[in-house]
Amino acid sequence: MALVYTRNIQGHSVRLDLIEIDPDEVILDASNPRIGFSISQLGPDQRGDPACTLLLTSQEDTEALKRSILLSGGVQEPIYIRHNRTVAEGNRRVVAMRSAKEEYPGDPRFAKIPAWVIDPDTPEHIIQDLLNEIHLGSVRGWAPYEKALQMRALVKAGLIEAEVAERYRMTASEVRQQIEAANFMDRMYFPITADPADPEHRSKFSYFLEFTKNGRIQSHSDKIADLPERFARWVRDERINTGMRVRRLPKILDVPEATRLLEVEGFDAAEEYLAEHNPREQELYLLLERARSRLKDMSVNEFVQIQTSPERLAILEALQVQVEEVLSNVREFRNNSMKRIDGIYSGAR
């Protein structure tokens, strides 16, 4: 007799029946966020269980999950399936269990997989809420790109962004940015890569999210019509390969020549150009500017501390001496240079 459990989801009672089922008898979910984009590249008649199995098997974490199942002697955490045996949550466990069953035929530990069967009368938006709670409570969690796809699916299912935000403990604006970043990748990045199905691409999601969130970048997008397309190429070609570079991108976009160098030579060349033409991009002058600004904003309390602290006063006086010495050397160098130039012109006459 199956174990029956009732779970409260957003104020709705959902009946779940715990059964054991042959992993080969369940149907993988082709809309699973982990493989959603890759599946969408196939024709409708190709988006079946074999394609899902192949795509999930190619992911490293599926192989690691299989090793864990072998060590544990089976799947310990039940999957969730719909009344028609389609997997609602647990696609990777099914694929890993099938592989274990194939490797050890006849072994009862891998013949069946525990599964919660969702009551057929459960509305789809309640099922999505259930899955959302499962994912939020997962120790391993989902990758950021996959979580963004979950949010997009909830909005497509009819929830408003504020409702999705409440479930993910975000603001509605953050949910909108997550979905926009996922759409950005699907529309402009994946199609231009050599292998759109490569799971490594998903790790670049944070770059596209930063692009979407960054106000200065968005301001440049209003002026540079093809900036999103160019950004996707820069990420593909690894001209932009860290989140820090995305955050520094606005400074490059401020200068046309630096932008050109990013396009033809790379990020380092663009930053070198900025450093050469903008002293505030050089470490020394950046530190000096910060120190000057900080000294300008000193509080009354800090002035009082200097009066009673010989050590603090000595540091400031040493700084003054060093600055005056540097300025003196600069003036002397400039005067000598002018004299040499005058000498050259005098000799020419």
Protein backbone atom coordinates (compact mmCIF):
# COMPACT_ATOMS: atom_id res chain seq x y z
CA MET A 1 0.00 0.00 0.00
CA ALA A 2 1.41 3.40 -1.01
CA LEU A 3 2.22 5.99 1.63
CA VAL A 4 -0.03 9.05 1.31
CA TYR A 5 1.20 12.49 2.32
CA THR A 6 -0.55 15.84 2.10
CA ARG A 7 1.65 18.89 1.65
CA ASN A 8 0.52 22.48 2.12
CA ILE A 9 1.62 24.62 -0.82
CA GLN A 10 0.79 28.33 -0.67
CA GLY A 11 -2.38 27.52 1.26
CA HIS A 12 -3.39 24.62 -1.02
CA SER A 13 -3.34 20.96 0.04
CA VAL A 14 -1.51 18.69 -2.40
CA ARG A 15 -1.86 14.93 -2.10
CA LEU A 16 1.29 12.92 -2.76
CA ASP A 17 1.44 9.11 -3.02
CA LEU A 18 4.83 7.48 -2.44
CA ILE A 19 5.50 4.54 -4.75
CA GLU A 20 8.45 2.63 -6.16
CA ILE A 21 8.70 2.53 -9.93
CA ASP A 22 11.05 1.19 -12.59
CA PRO A 23 13.16 4.17 -13.78
CA ASP A 24 12.60 3.03 -17.36
CA GLU A 25 8.84 3.43 -16.92
CA VAL A 26 8.90 7.16 -16.19
CA ILE A 27 9.07 9.86 -18.87
CA LEU A 28 11.71 12.58 -18.69
CA ASP A 29 10.54 16.19 -18.81
CA ALA A 30 11.66 17.91 -22.02
CA SER A 31 10.90 21.32 -20.49
CA ASN A 32 13.47 20.81 -17.74
CA PRO A 33 15.51 24.04 -17.33
CA ARG A 34 18.80 22.12 -17.32
CA ILE A 35 18.27 21.14 -20.95
CA GLY A 36 15.60 23.62 -22.06
CA PHE A 37 17.65 25.53 -24.64
CA SER A 38 19.29 22.44 -26.13
CA ILE A 39 15.94 20.70 -26.50
CA SER A 40 14.44 23.78 -28.15
CA GLN A 41 17.01 23.46 -30.95
CA LEU A 42 15.53 20.09 -31.94
CA GLY A 43 12.42 19.48 -33.99
CA PRO A 44 9.18 18.77 -32.08
CA ASP A 45 9.32 15.08 -33.03
CA GLN A 46 12.88 14.79 -31.67
CA ARG A 47 12.22 16.17 -28.19
CA GLY A 48 11.55 12.82 -26.61
CA ASP A 49 13.00 10.70 -23.84
CA PRO A 50 16.12 9.63 -25.79
CA ALA A 51 17.15 13.25 -26.44
CA CYS A 52 16.56 14.21 -22.81
CA THR A 53 18.60 11.21 -21.67
CA LEU A 54 21.50 12.10 -23.97
CA LEU A 55 21.58 15.75 -22.90
CA LEU A 56 21.38 14.97 -19.19
CA THR A 57 23.95 12.17 -19.44
CA SER A 58 26.45 14.58 -21.03
CA GLN A 59 26.46 16.76 -17.91
CA GLU A 60 29.24 16.15 -15.39
CA ASP A 61 26.97 16.42 -12.37
CA THR A 62 24.84 13.53 -13.68
CA GLU A 63 27.87 11.24 -13.68
CA ALA A 64 28.74 12.38 -10.16
CA LEU A 65 25.16 11.66 -9.10
CA LYS A 66 25.42 8.15 -10.53
CA ARG A 67 28.54 7.49 -8.46
CA SER A 68 26.68 8.69 -5.38
CA ILE A 69 23.77 6.36 -6.16
CA LEU A 70 26.12 3.41 -6.55
CA LEU A 71 27.74 4.17 -3.20
CA SER A 72 24.38 4.63 -1.49
CA GLY A 73 22.85 1.53 -3.00
CA GLY A 74 20.07 3.38 -4.79
CA VAL A 75 18.22 6.69 -4.82
CA GLN A 76 17.43 7.87 -1.31
CA GLU A 77 15.46 11.05 -2.10
CA PRO A 78 12.19 10.37 -3.96
CA ILE A 79 11.56 12.06 -7.28
CA TYR A 80 8.24 13.75 -8.12
CA ILE A 81 6.14 12.53 -11.04
CA ARG A 82 2.80 13.54 -12.51
CA HIS A 83 -0.09 11.11 -12.81
CA ASN A 84 0.99 10.30 -16.41
CA ARG A 85 4.47 9.31 -15.10
CA THR A 86 6.20 12.38 -16.53
CA VAL A 87 8.97 13.55 -14.21
CA ALA A 88 8.16 16.83 -12.48
CA GLU A 89 11.36 16.93 -10.43
CA GLY A 90 14.31 14.53 -10.48
CA ASN A 91 15.25 14.06 -14.15
CA ARG A 92 18.95 13.62 -13.37
CA ARG A 93 18.24 11.01 -10.70
CA VAL A 94 16.19 9.03 -13.20
CA VAL A 95 18.96 9.12 -15.82
CA ALA A 96 21.64 8.24 -13.26
CA MET A 97 19.50 5.39 -11.89
CA ARG A 98 18.89 4.02 -15.39
CA SER A 99 22.64 4.01 -15.97
CA ALA A 100 23.24 2.19 -12.67
CA LYS A 101 20.53 -0.34 -13.55
CA GLU A 102 22.14 -0.94 -16.94
CA GLU A 103 25.57 -1.38 -15.36
CA TYR A 104 24.25 -3.79 -12.71
CA PRO A 105 21.37 -5.68 -14.36
CA GLY A 106 19.29 -7.71 -11.95
CA ASP A 107 20.53 -5.81 -8.88
CA PRO A 108 17.39 -5.01 -6.84
CA ARG A 109 19.01 -1.85 -5.43
CA PHE A 110 18.76 -0.20 -8.83
CA ALA A 111 15.57 -1.81 -10.14
CA LYS A 112 13.17 0.69 -8.58
CA ILE A 113 13.23 4.38 -7.74
CA PRO A 114 11.09 6.02 -5.03
CA ALA A 115 8.65 8.60 -6.37
CA TRP A 116 5.98 10.93 -5.06
CA VAL A 117 3.00 10.87 -7.43
CA ILE A 118 1.28 14.27 -7.59
CA ASP A 119 -2.50 14.09 -7.41
CA PRO A 120 -3.95 14.52 -10.95
CA ASP A 121 -6.41 17.18 -9.76
CA THR A 122 -3.59 19.53 -8.73
CA PRO A 123 -3.61 22.77 -10.81
CA GLU A 124 -0.45 23.42 -12.81
CA HIS A 125 0.41 26.65 -10.98
CA ILE A 126 0.27 24.76 -7.66
CA ILE A 127 2.62 22.12 -9.08
CA GLN A 128 5.00 24.91 -10.04
CA ASP A 129 4.78 26.29 -6.50
CA LEU A 130 5.57 22.83 -5.15
CA LEU A 131 8.61 22.51 -7.40
CA ASN A 132 9.71 25.99 -6.43
CA GLU A 133 9.63 25.07 -2.73
CA ILE A 134 11.61 21.90 -3.45
CA HIS A 135 14.28 23.84 -5.33
CA LEU A 136 14.52 26.55 -2.67
CA GLY A 137 14.97 23.90 -0.02
CA SER A 138 17.52 21.91 -1.99
CA VAL A 139 20.97 21.69 -0.42
CA ARG A 140 22.68 21.62 -3.80
CA GLY A 141 20.34 24.11 -5.41
CA TRP A 142 20.14 25.02 -9.06
CA ALA A 143 22.58 26.95 -11.18
CA PRO A 144 21.67 30.65 -11.61
CA TYR A 145 20.75 30.25 -15.29
CA GLU A 146 18.47 27.32 -14.52
CA LYS A 147 16.82 29.23 -11.68
CA ALA A 148 16.15 32.10 -14.09
CA LEU A 149 14.46 29.63 -16.44
CA GLN A 150 12.28 28.46 -13.56
CA MET A 151 11.19 32.06 -12.97
CA ARG A 152 10.44 32.49 -16.66
CA ALA A 153 8.34 29.31 -16.63
CA LEU A 154 6.34 30.57 -13.66
CA VAL A 155 5.60 33.85 -15.44
CA LYS A 156 4.58 31.97 -18.59
CA ALA A 157 2.31 29.82 -16.42
CA GLY A 158 0.42 32.95 -15.41
CA LEU A 159 2.08 34.29 -12.28
CA ILE A 160 2.94 37.97 -12.12
CA GLU A 161 6.52 38.99 -11.37
CA ALA A 162 5.65 40.10 -7.84
CA GLU A 163 4.33 36.61 -7.04
CA VAL A 164 7.47 34.98 -8.43
CA ALA A 165 9.58 37.45 -6.47
CA GLU A 166 7.87 36.47 -3.23
CA ARG A 167 8.65 32.81 -3.84
CA TYR A 168 12.31 33.47 -4.62
CA ARG A 169 12.76 36.11 -1.93
CA MET A 170 13.60 38.78 -4.51
CA THR A 171 12.06 42.00 -5.76
CA ALA A 172 9.90 42.06 -8.88
CA SER A 173 12.60 44.11 -10.60
CA GLU A 174 15.22 41.44 -9.83
CA VAL A 175 12.95 38.73 -11.24
CA ARG A 176 12.49 40.80 -14.40
CA GLN A 177 16.26 41.19 -14.76
CA GLN A 178 16.82 37.46 -14.27
CA ILE A 179 14.33 36.63 -17.01
CA GLU A 180 15.72 39.30 -19.35
CA ALA A 181 19.24 37.91 -18.88
CA ALA A 182 18.07 34.37 -19.67
CA ASN A 183 16.25 35.61 -22.77
CA PHE A 184 19.37 37.56 -23.77
CA MET A 185 21.48 34.39 -23.65
CA ASP A 186 18.91 32.31 -25.51
CA ARG A 187 18.44 34.93 -28.22
CA MET A 188 21.95 36.23 -28.85
CA TYR A 189 24.60 34.09 -27.14
CA PHE A 190 23.78 30.40 -27.50
CA PRO A 191 23.07 30.60 -31.27
CA ILE A 192 26.53 32.02 -32.05
CA THR A 193 28.51 29.45 -30.03
CA ALA A 194 30.13 26.41 -31.64
CA ASP A 195 28.06 24.05 -29.48
CA PRO A 196 24.95 25.67 -28.00
CA ALA A 197 24.27 22.52 -25.97
CA ASP A 198 27.58 22.74 -24.07
CA PRO A 199 26.59 23.03 -20.37
CA GLU A 200 29.66 25.19 -19.74
CA HIS A 201 27.84 28.11 -21.40
CA ARG A 202 25.40 28.31 -18.50
CA SER A 203 28.19 29.48 -16.19
CA LYS A 204 28.31 32.73 -18.21
CA PHE A 205 24.81 33.70 -17.04
CA SER A 206 26.18 36.08 -14.40
CA TYR A 207 27.83 38.17 -17.16
CA PHE A 208 24.52 38.66 -18.96
CA LEU A 209 22.73 39.37 -15.70
CA GLU A 210 25.28 42.07 -14.85
CA PHE A 211 24.86 43.52 -18.36
CA THR A 212 21.10 43.68 -17.78
CA LYS A 213 21.37 45.16 -14.27
CA ASN A 214 24.14 47.69 -14.87
CA GLY A 215 22.58 51.12 -15.40
CA ARG A 216 25.65 52.59 -17.13
CA ILE A 217 25.79 49.70 -19.59
CA GLN A 218 22.10 50.12 -20.33
CA SER A 219 22.69 53.82 -20.99
CA HIS A 220 25.33 52.87 -23.54
CA SER A 221 22.89 50.38 -25.10
CA ASP A 222 20.56 53.28 -25.83
CA LYS A 223 23.35 54.91 -27.85
CA ILE A 224 25.01 51.81 -29.34
CA ALA A 225 22.25 49.88 -31.09
CA ASP A 226 24.21 46.66 -31.55
CA LEU A 227 25.85 46.61 -28.11
CA PRO A 228 23.98 43.46 -26.93
CA GLU A 229 25.13 41.54 -30.02
CA ARG A 230 28.70 42.76 -29.59
CA PHE A 231 28.65 41.87 -25.90
CA ALA A 232 27.53 38.32 -26.73
CA ARG A 233 30.46 38.02 -29.16
CA TRP A 234 32.91 39.39 -26.58
CA VAL A 235 31.77 36.74 -24.10
CA ARG A 236 31.93 33.99 -26.72
CA ASP A 237 35.46 35.02 -27.75
CA GLU A 238 36.48 35.39 -24.07
CA ARG A 239 37.35 39.05 -24.45
CA ILE A 240 35.06 39.36 -21.45
CA ASN A 241 35.54 36.32 -19.23
CA THR A 242 34.99 37.55 -15.66
CA GLY A 243 32.27 39.41 -13.82
CA MET A 244 34.80 42.11 -12.93
CA ARG A 245 35.35 42.83 -16.61
CA VAL A 246 31.63 43.27 -17.15
CA ARG A 247 31.55 45.78 -14.29
CA ARG A 248 34.51 47.65 -15.80
CA LEU A 249 33.00 47.65 -19.28
CA PRO A 250 31.24 51.06 -18.90
CA LYS A 251 34.58 52.85 -18.55
CA ILE A 252 35.72 51.30 -21.82
CA LEU A 253 32.46 52.15 -23.56
CA ASP A 254 32.91 55.78 -22.46
CA VAL A 255 35.90 56.04 -24.82
CA PRO A 256 35.42 55.12 -28.51
CA GLU A 257 39.08 54.21 -29.05
CA ALA A 258 39.08 51.92 -26.01
CA THR A 259 35.92 50.27 -27.34
CA ARG A 260 37.62 49.74 -30.70
CA LEU A 261 40.63 48.16 -29.00
CA LEU A 262 38.38 45.81 -27.05
CA GLU A 263 36.84 44.71 -30.33
CA VAL A 264 40.07 44.11 -32.25
CA GLU A 265 42.71 43.34 -29.60
CA GLY A 266 41.01 42.49 -26.33
CA PHE A 267 40.14 43.75 -22.89
CA ASP A 268 43.72 44.21 -21.68
CA ALA A 269 44.57 46.47 -24.63
CA ALA A 270 41.48 48.58 -23.95
CA GLU A 271 42.38 48.97 -20.28
CA GLU A 272 45.99 49.84 -21.12
CA TYR A 273 44.72 52.60 -23.39
CA LEU A 274 42.53 53.96 -20.59
CA ALA A 275 45.39 53.86 -18.11
CA GLU A 276 47.66 55.73 -20.51
CA HIS A 277 45.15 58.46 -21.28
CA ASN A 278 43.37 58.70 -17.94
CA PRO A 279 45.62 59.02 -14.86
CA ARG A 280 42.75 57.94 -12.61
CA GLU A 281 42.97 54.49 -14.21
CA GLN A 282 46.57 54.11 -13.01
CA GLU A 283 47.06 52.64 -9.55
CA LEU A 284 49.34 55.43 -8.26
CA TYR A 285 47.09 58.30 -9.30
CA LEU A 286 43.98 56.43 -8.25
CA LEU A 287 45.42 56.08 -4.74
CA LEU A 288 46.48 59.72 -4.70
CA GLU A 289 43.03 60.84 -5.80
CA ARG A 290 41.40 58.74 -3.11
CA ALA A 291 43.77 60.10 -0.48
CA ARG A 292 43.14 63.69 -1.60
CA SER A 293 39.39 63.17 -1.47
CA ARG A 294 39.62 61.55 1.94
CA LEU A 295 41.75 64.36 3.34
CA LYS A 296 39.27 66.88 2.00
CA ASP A 297 36.45 65.13 3.87
CA MET A 298 38.20 64.79 7.22
CA SER A 299 35.87 65.27 10.17
CA VAL A 300 36.29 67.60 13.13
CA ASN A 301 36.90 64.59 15.33
CA GLU A 302 39.78 63.50 13.11
CA PHE A 303 41.36 66.97 13.34
CA VAL A 304 41.14 66.73 17.12
CA GLN A 305 42.83 63.31 17.01
CA ILE A 306 45.74 64.76 15.01
CA GLN A 307 46.30 67.46 17.62
CA THR A 308 46.68 64.84 20.33
CA SER A 309 48.57 62.24 18.29
CA PRO A 310 52.20 62.93 17.27
CA GLU A 311 52.17 59.74 15.20
CA ARG A 312 49.24 60.90 13.04
CA LEU A 313 50.78 64.35 12.59
CA ALA A 314 54.13 62.80 11.59
CA ILE A 315 52.42 60.75 8.85
CA LEU A 316 50.74 63.83 7.39
CA GLU A 317 53.94 65.89 7.54
CA ALA A 318 55.90 63.10 5.84
CA LEU A 319 53.26 63.00 3.11
CA GLN A 320 53.55 66.76 2.64
CA VAL A 321 57.35 66.56 2.37
CA GLN A 322 57.16 63.73 -0.16
CA VAL A 323 54.59 65.50 -2.34
CA GLU A 324 56.61 68.73 -2.32
CA GLU A 325 59.76 66.80 -3.25
CA VAL A 326 58.02 65.07 -6.16
CA LEU A 327 56.60 68.38 -7.42
CA SER A 328 60.04 70.00 -7.14
CA ASN A 329 61.59 67.21 -9.21
CA VAL A 330 58.84 67.52 -11.80
CA ARG A 331 59.42 71.29 -12.13
CA GLU A 332 63.16 70.81 -12.41
CA PHE A 333 62.75 68.13 -15.06
CA ARG A 334 60.37 70.36 -17.02
CA ASN A 335 62.73 73.36 -16.85
CA ASN A 336 65.68 71.26 -18.01
CA SER A 337 63.63 69.90 -20.88
CA MET A 338 62.66 73.41 -21.97
CA LYS A 339 66.31 74.51 -21.86
CA ARG A 340 67.35 71.60 -24.08
CA ILE A 341 64.61 72.45 -26.56
CA ASP A 342 65.70 76.12 -26.60
CA GLY A 343 69.28 75.00 -27.20
CA ILE A 344 68.25 72.89 -30.16
CA TYR A 345 66.34 75.78 -31.74
CA SER A 346 69.23 78.21 -31.08
CA GLY A 347 71.69 75.87 -32.79
CA ALA A 348 69.39 75.50 -35.75
CA ARG A 349 69.29 79.25 -36.24
